């Protein structure tokens, strides 16, 4: 069987960011983009949707500025819309050169969402492609809801493809938008289209609503797809997208006829960084990247590994930059930090490195040892985002005595006013929150509801480890997350809360 090269496009920073409550800062997006292209070595990255926000514009501008000086600009892609050139103008201002144009791949979407005819839609698409070409912008094109289009309005899909073969389009991208395809359908639909249009480049974009994303991606490649769209940790709307880690391992182990350039040894590093930046935890049993998947617990397994590696498979942890483990039972200058970052495959600019260095010095005053494994936590805390400090927790006393209710006394400054309040609670943090609510009640500000509270320390750490607390808050307008980092669990929660207070005070 002839060897065939395919492209891997990562859309963690666009489709993956559509995971509920996830929003990457500009610094985080740039860090992830660098890692994806320089270390993981994916072919292309989709980094944003045009027109979303000023923050999104700045993130794209930062990435395109970096990509221009490092010859990656043609690998940077932005989702755009058929909108009379508004998206094109946005891209030009942001310095991007490749648009992924969103069009309708099913008659159902065309009729009921756009309320337009085929002719109207095709004409507007053609005008958008021509305008992009005029400004030196390459066009890739999404057929949104293509999977349902093939099921229910195949004639429309083929009419669209007949039109597109006359257009200046580099890639036609076939999304299973709602994640409804079976592996058999993925193979049949893509093979049918690839047989009909062998000279066109087709990407397959699988979602994971039935947990079939990897299987569908595998069948799409067997059918002749020229590229795949994946996300780190399978991030994305609803159940997410086909995950990068598992898909790459499957291709390498079961599809010798397929070649691609992804460096699987960096999969775990990238996954952990995205986990920390997004606040979305990797399940411990997630293949390839989960905390437990290379940990033997049962004694018989450890015994077998000592006797001709009886419990080894092709999924050796060293392939992914990890080590096999056996579970037992139920201070710093910039140079030192840079060395540790290099071992983790991370890069920071001078300004961000200075912030991280200062944070490590602060932590070193409280905790004797800051380990390499602590670094992603520290980076995510420092680069979480910037805000004007309008609320400052000046000081507090936390008490927890046997037989007495936990209590706290808090001093807090809101804008130019300083308040002091005492409260009790079911725990030290609950007491702190009760005192904070009383303070904000005087300002007639209602605090958002705490809907989730997650605490973690780096794997393998001890009782003096750095503690990261990620709190999810829900107001009447939105749901969002803040994180705090400290060697004390309650203090890390207070720091996460202080960030929340600065977000809500306007």
Protein backbone atom coordinates (compact mmCIF):
# COMPACT_ATOMS: atom_id res chain seq x y z
CA UNK A 1 0.00 0.00 0.00
CA UNK A 2 1.49 3.38 -1.00
CA UNK A 3 2.49 5.75 1.78
CA UNK A 4 0.35 8.88 2.00
CA UNK A 5 1.20 12.10 3.82
CA UNK A 6 -1.60 13.92 5.63
CA UNK A 7 -1.93 17.27 7.38
CA UNK A 8 -2.83 17.68 11.05
CA UNK A 9 -4.62 20.92 11.87
CA UNK A 10 -4.98 21.78 15.56
CA UNK A 11 -8.02 23.86 16.48
CA UNK A 12 -7.60 23.95 20.27
CA UNK A 13 -7.36 27.73 20.27
CA UNK A 14 -10.57 28.15 18.24
CA UNK A 15 -12.92 25.19 18.44
CA UNK A 16 -11.34 23.95 21.66
CA UNK A 17 -11.82 27.33 23.29
CA UNK A 18 -15.55 26.89 22.74
CA UNK A 19 -15.47 24.48 25.68
CA UNK A 20 -17.86 25.87 28.28
CA UNK A 21 -16.22 28.43 30.65
CA UNK A 22 -12.85 28.35 28.80
CA UNK A 23 -11.25 31.58 27.63
CA UNK A 24 -7.52 31.78 26.96
CA UNK A 25 -5.69 35.07 27.51
CA UNK A 26 -3.54 36.53 24.72
CA UNK A 27 -0.35 35.40 26.50
CA UNK A 28 -1.72 31.89 26.94
CA UNK A 29 -2.74 31.66 23.27
CA UNK A 30 0.69 32.74 22.10
CA UNK A 31 2.43 30.24 24.41
CA UNK A 32 0.21 27.40 23.19
CA UNK A 33 0.60 28.40 19.52
CA UNK A 34 4.39 28.35 19.80
CA UNK A 35 4.34 24.94 21.46
CA UNK A 36 1.97 23.45 18.87
CA UNK A 37 4.06 24.55 15.90
CA UNK A 38 7.62 24.40 17.20
CA UNK A 39 7.48 21.42 19.55
CA UNK A 40 4.45 19.29 18.71
CA UNK A 41 4.99 20.15 15.02
CA UNK A 42 1.40 20.12 13.78
CA UNK A 43 1.02 21.37 10.22
CA UNK A 44 -1.49 24.15 10.87
CA UNK A 45 -3.30 25.81 13.76
CA UNK A 46 -6.69 27.50 13.83
CA UNK A 47 -6.39 30.19 16.48
CA UNK A 48 -9.57 32.27 16.62
CA UNK A 49 -12.87 33.36 15.16
CA UNK A 50 -12.88 36.75 13.44
CA UNK A 51 -14.85 39.62 14.98
CA UNK A 52 -15.29 38.01 18.41
CA UNK A 53 -13.67 40.55 20.75
CA UNK A 54 -10.86 43.04 21.19
CA UNK A 55 -9.01 40.47 23.30
CA UNK A 56 -9.31 37.91 20.53
CA UNK A 57 -7.97 40.46 18.03
CA UNK A 58 -4.96 41.17 20.24
CA UNK A 59 -4.26 37.45 20.66
CA UNK A 60 -4.32 36.93 16.89
CA UNK A 61 -2.12 39.98 16.34
CA UNK A 62 0.44 38.70 18.85
CA UNK A 63 0.52 35.29 17.17
CA UNK A 64 0.75 36.63 13.61
CA UNK A 65 3.55 39.02 14.63
CA UNK A 66 5.49 36.10 16.08
CA UNK A 67 4.63 33.80 13.16
CA UNK A 68 5.78 36.39 10.62
CA UNK A 69 9.26 36.55 12.13
CA UNK A 70 9.48 32.75 12.42
CA UNK A 71 8.07 31.80 8.99
CA UNK A 72 4.86 30.23 10.34
CA UNK A 73 2.32 32.75 9.02
CA UNK A 74 0.94 30.43 6.32
CA UNK A 75 0.18 27.89 9.07
CA UNK A 76 -1.98 30.31 11.11
CA UNK A 77 -5.71 30.11 10.32
CA UNK A 78 -8.77 32.12 11.42
CA UNK A 79 -12.44 31.17 11.20
CA UNK A 80 -14.30 33.73 9.09
CA UNK A 81 -17.85 34.34 7.91
CA UNK A 82 -19.74 35.29 4.76
CA UNK A 83 -20.33 38.85 5.97
CA UNK A 84 -19.69 41.29 3.11
CA UNK A 85 -15.98 41.52 3.87
CA UNK A 86 -16.13 42.36 7.59
CA UNK A 87 -14.13 39.24 8.50
CA UNK A 88 -11.60 39.97 5.74
CA UNK A 89 -11.04 43.50 7.07
CA UNK A 90 -10.59 42.02 10.57
CA UNK A 91 -8.01 39.55 9.27
CA UNK A 92 -6.09 42.22 7.40
CA UNK A 93 -5.88 44.34 10.56
CA UNK A 94 -4.79 41.32 12.59
CA UNK A 95 -2.13 40.30 10.04
CA UNK A 96 -3.60 36.85 9.29
CA UNK A 97 -3.24 35.29 5.84
CA UNK A 98 -5.40 32.13 5.87
CA UNK A 99 -9.16 32.19 6.35
CA UNK A 100 -11.31 29.17 7.18
CA UNK A 101 -14.58 30.37 5.70
CA UNK A 102 -17.72 29.04 7.37
CA UNK A 103 -20.41 28.09 4.86
CA UNK A 104 -23.50 25.89 4.95
CA UNK A 105 -22.94 22.21 4.20
CA UNK A 106 -26.56 21.10 4.57
CA UNK A 107 -29.76 22.28 2.96
CA UNK A 108 -31.35 22.33 6.40
CA UNK A 109 -28.88 24.94 7.69
CA UNK A 110 -29.09 26.96 4.49
CA UNK A 111 -32.89 27.05 4.48
CA UNK A 112 -33.64 27.56 8.13
CA UNK A 113 -30.65 29.52 9.42
CA UNK A 114 -29.63 31.66 6.46
CA UNK A 115 -33.05 31.56 4.76
CA UNK A 116 -31.35 31.81 1.37
CA UNK A 117 -31.28 29.87 -1.87
CA UNK A 118 -28.31 27.88 -3.16
CA UNK A 119 -27.66 30.50 -5.79
CA UNK A 120 -27.63 33.34 -3.26
CA UNK A 121 -25.30 31.50 -0.90
CA UNK A 122 -22.91 30.39 -3.64
CA UNK A 123 -22.75 33.91 -5.03
CA UNK A 124 -21.90 35.42 -1.64
CA UNK A 125 -19.32 32.70 -0.99
CA UNK A 126 -17.71 33.38 -4.37
CA UNK A 127 -17.54 37.11 -3.64
CA UNK A 128 -15.92 36.45 -0.25
CA UNK A 129 -13.31 34.12 -1.79
CA UNK A 130 -12.51 36.66 -4.49
CA UNK A 131 -12.17 39.47 -1.96
CA UNK A 132 -9.80 37.34 0.13
CA UNK A 133 -7.67 36.53 -2.93
CA UNK A 134 -7.53 40.21 -3.81
CA UNK A 135 -5.90 40.86 -0.44
CA UNK A 136 -3.52 37.90 -0.61
CA UNK A 137 -5.55 35.77 1.80
CA UNK A 138 -5.76 32.01 1.20
CA UNK A 139 -9.19 30.43 1.60
CA UNK A 140 -10.03 27.11 3.21
CA UNK A 141 -13.75 26.43 3.43
CA UNK A 142 -15.91 24.69 6.04
CA UNK A 143 -19.10 22.93 4.93
CA UNK A 144 -20.91 23.32 8.25
CA UNK A 145 -23.22 20.40 9.12
CA UNK A 146 -21.76 18.45 6.18
CA UNK A 147 -22.48 15.10 7.86
CA UNK A 148 -26.21 15.79 8.02
CA UNK A 149 -25.98 17.24 4.53
CA UNK A 150 -24.70 13.88 3.25
CA UNK A 151 -27.46 12.06 5.11
CA UNK A 152 -30.37 14.26 4.17
CA UNK A 153 -29.50 16.57 1.25
CA UNK A 154 -26.72 14.93 -0.72
CA UNK A 155 -27.73 16.65 -3.96
CA UNK A 156 -27.13 20.01 -2.29
CA UNK A 157 -23.68 18.92 -1.05
CA UNK A 158 -22.67 17.83 -4.54
CA UNK A 159 -24.02 21.04 -6.09
CA UNK A 160 -21.85 22.93 -3.62
CA UNK A 161 -18.80 20.82 -4.44
CA UNK A 162 -19.35 21.33 -8.16
CA UNK A 163 -19.39 25.06 -7.49
CA UNK A 164 -16.32 24.92 -5.23
CA UNK A 165 -14.14 23.11 -7.76
CA UNK A 166 -14.35 26.30 -9.84
CA UNK A 167 -13.26 28.50 -6.94
CA UNK A 168 -9.87 29.52 -5.55
CA UNK A 169 -10.09 27.27 -2.48
CA UNK A 170 -7.05 25.48 -1.00
CA UNK A 171 -8.92 23.02 1.22
CA UNK A 172 -12.52 21.91 1.65
CA UNK A 173 -13.19 20.98 5.26
CA UNK A 174 -15.85 18.41 6.09
CA UNK A 175 -17.14 18.75 9.67
CA UNK A 176 -19.30 16.28 11.53
CA UNK A 177 -20.63 19.36 13.31
CA UNK A 178 -22.93 17.56 15.71
CA UNK A 179 -20.79 14.44 16.14
CA UNK A 180 -23.48 12.13 14.76
CA UNK A 181 -21.58 9.98 12.27
CA UNK A 182 -20.74 6.33 12.74
CA UNK A 183 -17.35 5.04 11.58
CA UNK A 184 -19.08 3.28 8.66
CA UNK A 185 -20.71 6.52 7.53
CA UNK A 186 -17.47 8.47 7.96
CA UNK A 187 -15.72 6.05 5.63
CA UNK A 188 -18.56 5.83 3.09
CA UNK A 189 -19.23 9.57 2.82
CA UNK A 190 -15.59 10.63 2.55
CA UNK A 191 -14.71 7.86 0.10
CA UNK A 192 -17.66 8.81 -2.08
CA UNK A 193 -16.58 12.44 -2.18
CA UNK A 194 -12.87 11.71 -2.58
CA UNK A 195 -13.60 9.30 -5.46
CA UNK A 196 -15.71 11.97 -7.14
CA UNK A 197 -13.16 14.76 -6.61
CA UNK A 198 -9.72 13.12 -6.33
CA UNK A 199 -7.84 16.33 -7.08
CA UNK A 200 -9.43 18.36 -4.29
CA UNK A 201 -8.00 18.51 -0.77
CA UNK A 202 -10.46 17.42 1.92
CA UNK A 203 -10.01 17.77 5.69
CA UNK A 204 -12.19 15.81 8.12
CA UNK A 205 -13.34 17.52 11.32
CA UNK A 206 -14.76 14.98 13.80
CA UNK A 207 -16.68 15.72 16.99
CA UNK A 208 -16.96 13.28 19.86
CA UNK A 209 -20.61 13.31 20.97
CA UNK A 210 -20.86 9.49 20.82
CA UNK A 211 -17.21 8.97 21.82
CA UNK A 212 -16.52 7.97 18.21
CA UNK A 213 -14.21 10.86 17.30
CA UNK A 214 -11.02 8.78 17.07
CA UNK A 215 -12.74 5.90 15.25
CA UNK A 216 -14.34 8.30 12.78
CA UNK A 217 -11.03 10.07 12.17
CA UNK A 218 -9.38 6.71 11.53
CA UNK A 219 -12.06 5.72 9.02
CA UNK A 220 -11.93 9.14 7.38
CA UNK A 221 -8.22 8.66 6.72
CA UNK A 222 -8.80 5.16 5.36
CA UNK A 223 -11.36 6.66 2.98
CA UNK A 224 -8.81 9.15 1.63
CA UNK A 225 -9.11 12.30 3.74
CA UNK A 226 -6.12 14.56 3.20
CA UNK A 227 -6.14 16.09 6.67
CA UNK A 228 -7.62 15.90 10.15
CA UNK A 229 -8.71 18.57 12.61
CA UNK A 230 -7.93 17.70 16.23
CA UNK A 231 -7.84 19.42 19.62
CA UNK A 232 -5.53 18.98 22.58
CA UNK A 233 -7.32 16.97 25.30
CA UNK A 234 -10.32 16.64 23.00
CA UNK A 235 -11.53 20.09 23.99
CA UNK A 236 -14.53 21.61 22.22
CA UNK A 237 -18.24 22.23 22.51
CA UNK A 238 -20.43 19.61 24.17
CA UNK A 239 -18.39 16.36 24.29
CA UNK A 240 -15.53 18.02 22.40
CA UNK A 241 -13.55 17.13 19.28
CA UNK A 242 -11.44 14.15 18.27
CA UNK A 243 -8.52 14.27 20.73
CA UNK A 244 -5.01 14.89 19.48
CA UNK A 245 -3.23 12.36 21.72
CA UNK A 246 -5.29 9.23 21.02
CA UNK A 247 -5.68 9.98 17.32
CA UNK A 248 -1.94 10.41 16.78
CA UNK A 249 -1.18 7.18 18.67
CA UNK A 250 -3.77 5.26 16.61
CA UNK A 251 -2.34 6.56 13.33
CA UNK A 252 1.22 5.68 14.32
CA UNK A 253 0.36 2.19 15.54
CA UNK A 254 -2.39 0.99 13.22
CA UNK A 255 -2.04 2.94 9.96
CA UNK A 256 1.45 2.40 8.54
CA UNK A 257 0.31 3.78 5.19
CA UNK A 258 -0.32 7.21 6.78
CA UNK A 259 2.54 9.58 7.52
CA UNK A 260 2.40 12.87 9.40
CA UNK A 261 4.91 15.03 11.22
CA UNK A 262 3.47 15.30 14.72
CA UNK A 263 6.05 14.73 17.48
CA UNK A 264 4.19 12.36 19.78
CA UNK A 265 6.84 12.75 22.50
CA UNK A 266 5.45 16.24 23.15
CA UNK A 267 1.80 15.21 23.43
CA UNK A 268 1.81 14.95 27.21
CA UNK A 269 3.63 18.26 27.74
CA UNK A 270 1.20 20.13 25.51
CA UNK A 271 -1.78 18.42 27.13
CA UNK A 272 -0.68 19.39 30.63
CA UNK A 273 -0.09 23.02 29.66
CA UNK A 274 -3.51 23.28 28.01
CA UNK A 275 -5.05 21.64 31.08
CA UNK A 276 -3.54 24.30 33.31
CA UNK A 277 -4.41 27.23 31.07
CA UNK A 278 -7.97 26.06 30.45
CA UNK A 279 -8.79 24.82 33.95
CA UNK A 280 -10.38 21.73 32.35
CA UNK A 281 -8.96 18.70 34.08
CA UNK A 282 -7.69 15.67 32.14
CA UNK A 283 -9.51 12.56 33.40
CA UNK A 284 -7.06 10.29 35.21
CA UNK A 285 -7.96 7.38 32.91
CA UNK A 286 -7.83 9.30 29.61
CA UNK A 287 -5.68 7.30 27.15
CA UNK A 288 -2.11 8.47 26.57
CA UNK A 289 -2.28 11.61 28.75
CA UNK A 290 -4.27 10.60 31.87
CA UNK A 291 -2.44 10.51 35.20
CA UNK A 292 -3.09 6.81 35.76
CA UNK A 293 -2.69 5.24 32.32
CA UNK A 294 0.98 4.33 32.80
CA UNK A 295 0.64 3.45 36.48
CA UNK A 296 0.48 -0.18 37.52
CA UNK A 297 -1.42 -0.72 40.75
CA UNK A 298 -2.05 -4.46 41.10
CA UNK A 299 0.87 -6.46 42.50
CA UNK A 300 0.43 -9.17 39.88
CA UNK A 301 1.03 -6.60 37.14
CA UNK A 302 4.22 -5.37 38.73
CA UNK A 303 5.33 -8.98 39.08
CA UNK A 304 4.54 -9.61 35.42
CA UNK A 305 6.55 -6.58 34.34
CA UNK A 306 9.55 -8.08 36.13
CA UNK A 307 9.07 -11.30 34.19
CA UNK A 308 9.57 -10.52 30.50
CA UNK A 309 7.44 -7.34 30.57
CA UNK A 310 4.21 -9.33 30.45
CA UNK A 311 2.02 -6.26 30.88
CA UNK A 312 3.76 -4.01 28.33
CA UNK A 313 2.20 -3.04 24.98
CA UNK A 314 3.19 -0.76 22.10
CA UNK A 315 1.88 2.15 24.16
CA UNK A 316 5.16 2.65 25.97
CA UNK A 317 5.12 5.79 28.12
CA UNK A 318 8.54 6.93 26.88
CA UNK A 319 6.99 7.50 23.45
CA UNK A 320 4.97 10.32 24.96
CA UNK A 321 7.61 11.78 27.23
CA UNK A 322 6.33 9.90 30.27
CA UNK A 323 7.56 7.21 32.63
CA UNK A 324 5.92 4.06 33.91
CA UNK A 325 5.03 4.21 37.60
CA UNK A 326 4.07 1.68 40.21
CA UNK A 327 1.59 2.94 42.78
CA UNK A 328 2.14 1.96 46.42
CA UNK A 329 -1.09 1.24 48.33
CA UNK A 330 -4.80 2.52 48.84
CA UNK A 331 15.51 29.23 45.65
CA UNK A 332 15.84 31.23 41.89
CA UNK A 333 17.33 33.25 39.12
CA UNK A 334 15.93 33.34 35.60
CA UNK A 335 18.63 31.01 34.28
CA UNK A 336 17.56 28.23 36.64
CA UNK A 337 13.91 28.68 35.71
CA UNK A 338 14.70 28.70 31.98
CA UNK A 339 16.48 25.37 32.32
CA UNK A 340 13.43 23.86 33.96
CA UNK A 341 11.15 25.35 31.33
CA UNK A 342 13.31 23.82 28.60
CA UNK A 343 12.93 20.40 30.17
CA UNK A 344 9.15 20.88 30.04
CA UNK A 345 9.30 22.10 26.44
CA UNK A 346 7.96 25.56 27.36
CA UNK A 347 9.01 29.01 26.18
CA UNK A 348 8.19 32.39 27.71
CA UNK A 349 9.02 35.89 26.56
CA UNK A 350 11.17 38.10 28.82
CA UNK A 351 8.23 39.93 30.37
CA UNK A 352 6.36 36.74 31.24
CA UNK A 353 9.55 35.07 32.46
CA UNK A 354 10.12 38.01 34.80
CA UNK A 355 6.61 37.61 36.21
CA UNK A 356 7.09 33.87 36.73
CA UNK A 357 10.48 34.45 38.36
CA UNK A 358 9.00 36.94 40.80
CA UNK A 359 6.17 34.55 41.64
CA UNK A 360 8.63 31.73 42.34
CA UNK A 361 10.64 33.99 44.64
CA UNK A 362 7.46 34.85 46.54
CA UNK A 363 6.54 31.19 46.82
CA UNK A 364 10.06 30.30 47.88
CA UNK A 365 9.57 32.44 50.98
CA UNK A 366 6.72 30.13 52.01
CA UNK A 367 7.78 26.79 50.53
CA UNK A 368 11.36 25.54 50.61
CA UNK A 369 11.21 23.67 47.30
CA UNK A 370 9.49 24.65 44.04
CA UNK A 371 9.65 21.66 41.73
CA UNK A 372 9.69 21.40 37.96
CA UNK A 373 6.22 19.90 38.16
CA UNK A 374 5.00 23.07 39.91
CA UNK A 375 5.95 25.27 36.94
CA UNK A 376 2.86 24.79 34.71
CA UNK A 377 0.69 25.71 37.72
CA UNK A 378 2.74 28.82 38.40
CA UNK A 379 2.72 29.86 34.73
CA UNK A 380 -1.05 29.46 34.43
CA UNK A 381 -1.51 31.50 37.63
CA UNK A 382 0.77 34.33 36.49
CA UNK A 383 -0.49 34.47 32.89
CA UNK A 384 -4.16 33.94 33.67
CA UNK A 385 -4.95 37.48 32.60
CA UNK A 386 -4.41 41.05 33.71
CA UNK A 387 -6.86 43.37 35.39
CA UNK A 388 -6.85 46.70 37.19
CA UNK A 389 -6.69 46.00 40.92
CA UNK A 390 -9.92 47.45 42.28
CA UNK A 391 -10.29 45.05 45.20
CA UNK A 392 -7.45 44.11 47.54
CA UNK A 393 -7.60 41.67 50.43
CA UNK A 394 -5.31 43.52 52.82
CA UNK A 395 -5.16 40.99 55.65
CA UNK A 396 -7.12 38.29 57.38
CA UNK A 397 -7.05 36.08 60.44
CA UNK A 398 -8.32 32.52 60.01
CA UNK A 399 -9.19 30.46 63.08
CA UNK A 400 -10.07 26.81 63.37
CA UNK A 401 -10.26 25.41 66.89
CA UNK A 402 -11.66 22.13 68.12
CA UNK A 403 -15.18 22.57 69.44
CA UNK A 404 -15.50 26.11 68.08
CA UNK A 405 -16.94 27.29 64.79
CA UNK A 406 -14.31 28.42 62.24
CA UNK A 407 -14.12 32.19 61.90
CA UNK A 408 -12.25 34.93 60.10
CA UNK A 409 -11.59 38.64 60.38
CA UNK A 410 -10.97 40.29 57.01
CA UNK A 411 -9.63 43.69 55.99
CA UNK A 412 -10.46 44.54 52.37
CA UNK A 413 -10.16 47.65 50.20
CA UNK A 414 -12.73 48.22 47.44
CA UNK A 415 -11.64 51.08 45.21
CA UNK A 416 -10.83 53.77 47.86
CA UNK A 417 -12.85 52.38 50.76
CA UNK A 418 -11.43 49.99 53.36
CA UNK A 419 -13.67 47.62 55.30
CA UNK A 420 -13.16 45.20 58.17
CA UNK A 421 -15.57 42.36 58.90
CA UNK A 422 -15.75 39.32 61.17
CA UNK A 423 -17.76 36.21 60.30
CA UNK A 424 -18.13 32.53 61.10
CA UNK A 425 -18.72 29.63 58.72
CA UNK A 426 -18.69 25.89 58.26
CA UNK A 427 -14.99 26.11 57.39
CA UNK A 428 -12.29 28.77 57.15
CA UNK A 429 -13.03 29.54 53.50
CA UNK A 430 -16.78 29.60 54.15
CA UNK A 431 -16.16 32.08 56.99
CA UNK A 432 -14.05 34.20 54.63
CA UNK A 433 -16.82 34.17 52.02
CA UNK A 434 -19.44 35.15 54.63
CA UNK A 435 -17.29 38.11 55.71
CA UNK A 436 -16.76 39.10 52.06
CA UNK A 437 -20.49 38.93 51.34
CA UNK A 438 -21.16 41.24 54.29
CA UNK A 439 -18.60 43.74 53.00
CA UNK A 440 -19.99 43.72 49.48
CA UNK A 441 -23.55 44.01 50.78
CA UNK A 442 -22.65 47.50 51.99
CA UNK A 443 -21.64 48.32 48.40
CA UNK A 444 -24.92 46.82 47.11
CA UNK A 445 -22.98 44.27 45.04
CA UNK A 446 -24.21 40.68 44.90
CA UNK A 447 -21.45 38.10 44.62
CA UNK A 448 -21.72 35.37 41.96
CA UNK A 449 -22.63 31.88 43.06
CA UNK A 450 -19.82 29.37 43.63
CA UNK A 451 -20.77 26.36 41.48
CA UNK A 452 -17.56 24.30 41.48
CA UNK A 453 -14.42 24.16 43.60
CA UNK A 454 -11.45 22.04 42.47
CA UNK A 455 -8.17 21.61 44.32
CA UNK A 456 -5.08 19.86 43.04
CA UNK A 457 -1.35 19.53 43.58
CA UNK A 458 1.31 18.34 41.12
CA UNK A 459 1.45 14.52 40.81
CA UNK A 460 4.02 12.99 43.13
CA UNK A 461 4.12 15.98 45.47
CA UNK A 462 4.08 15.90 49.26
CA UNK A 463 2.24 17.77 52.02
CA UNK A 464 4.24 20.96 51.36
CA UNK A 465 3.27 21.04 47.67
CA UNK A 466 1.91 24.03 45.84
CA UNK A 467 -1.86 23.91 45.85
CA UNK A 468 -3.94 25.18 42.92
CA UNK A 469 -7.59 26.01 43.56
CA UNK A 470 -9.86 26.55 40.54
CA UNK A 471 -13.25 28.01 41.38
CA UNK A 472 -16.15 28.26 38.94
CA UNK A 473 -18.49 31.18 39.53
CA UNK A 474 -21.92 31.85 38.04
CA UNK A 475 -23.53 35.28 37.85
CA UNK A 476 -26.73 36.27 36.11
CA UNK A 477 -24.71 37.10 32.96
CA UNK A 478 -22.05 34.43 32.69
CA UNK A 479 -20.10 31.53 34.16
CA UNK A 480 -16.35 31.94 34.61
CA UNK A 481 -13.35 30.49 36.43
CA UNK A 482 -10.57 31.94 38.54
CA UNK A 483 -7.56 30.20 40.01
CA UNK A 484 -5.33 30.78 43.01
CA UNK A 485 -1.94 29.29 43.82
CA UNK A 486 -0.34 28.93 47.23
CA UNK A 487 1.19 26.30 49.47
CA UNK A 488 -1.87 26.68 51.75
CA UNK A 489 -5.19 25.41 50.36
CA UNK A 490 -7.38 28.05 52.01
CA UNK A 491 -5.05 30.86 50.95
CA UNK A 492 -5.09 29.62 47.34
CA UNK A 493 -8.91 29.71 47.45
CA UNK A 494 -8.83 33.26 48.85
CA UNK A 495 -6.51 34.32 46.01
CA UNK A 496 -8.92 32.81 43.46
CA UNK A 497 -11.76 34.70 45.15
CA UNK A 498 -9.81 37.97 45.09
CA UNK A 499 -9.45 37.61 41.32
CA UNK A 500 -13.20 37.05 41.03
CA UNK A 501 -13.90 40.22 43.06
CA UNK A 502 -11.69 42.27 40.73
CA UNK A 503 -13.62 40.93 37.74
CA UNK A 504 -17.07 41.83 39.07
CA UNK A 505 -16.25 45.29 40.39
CA UNK A 506 -16.61 47.86 37.60
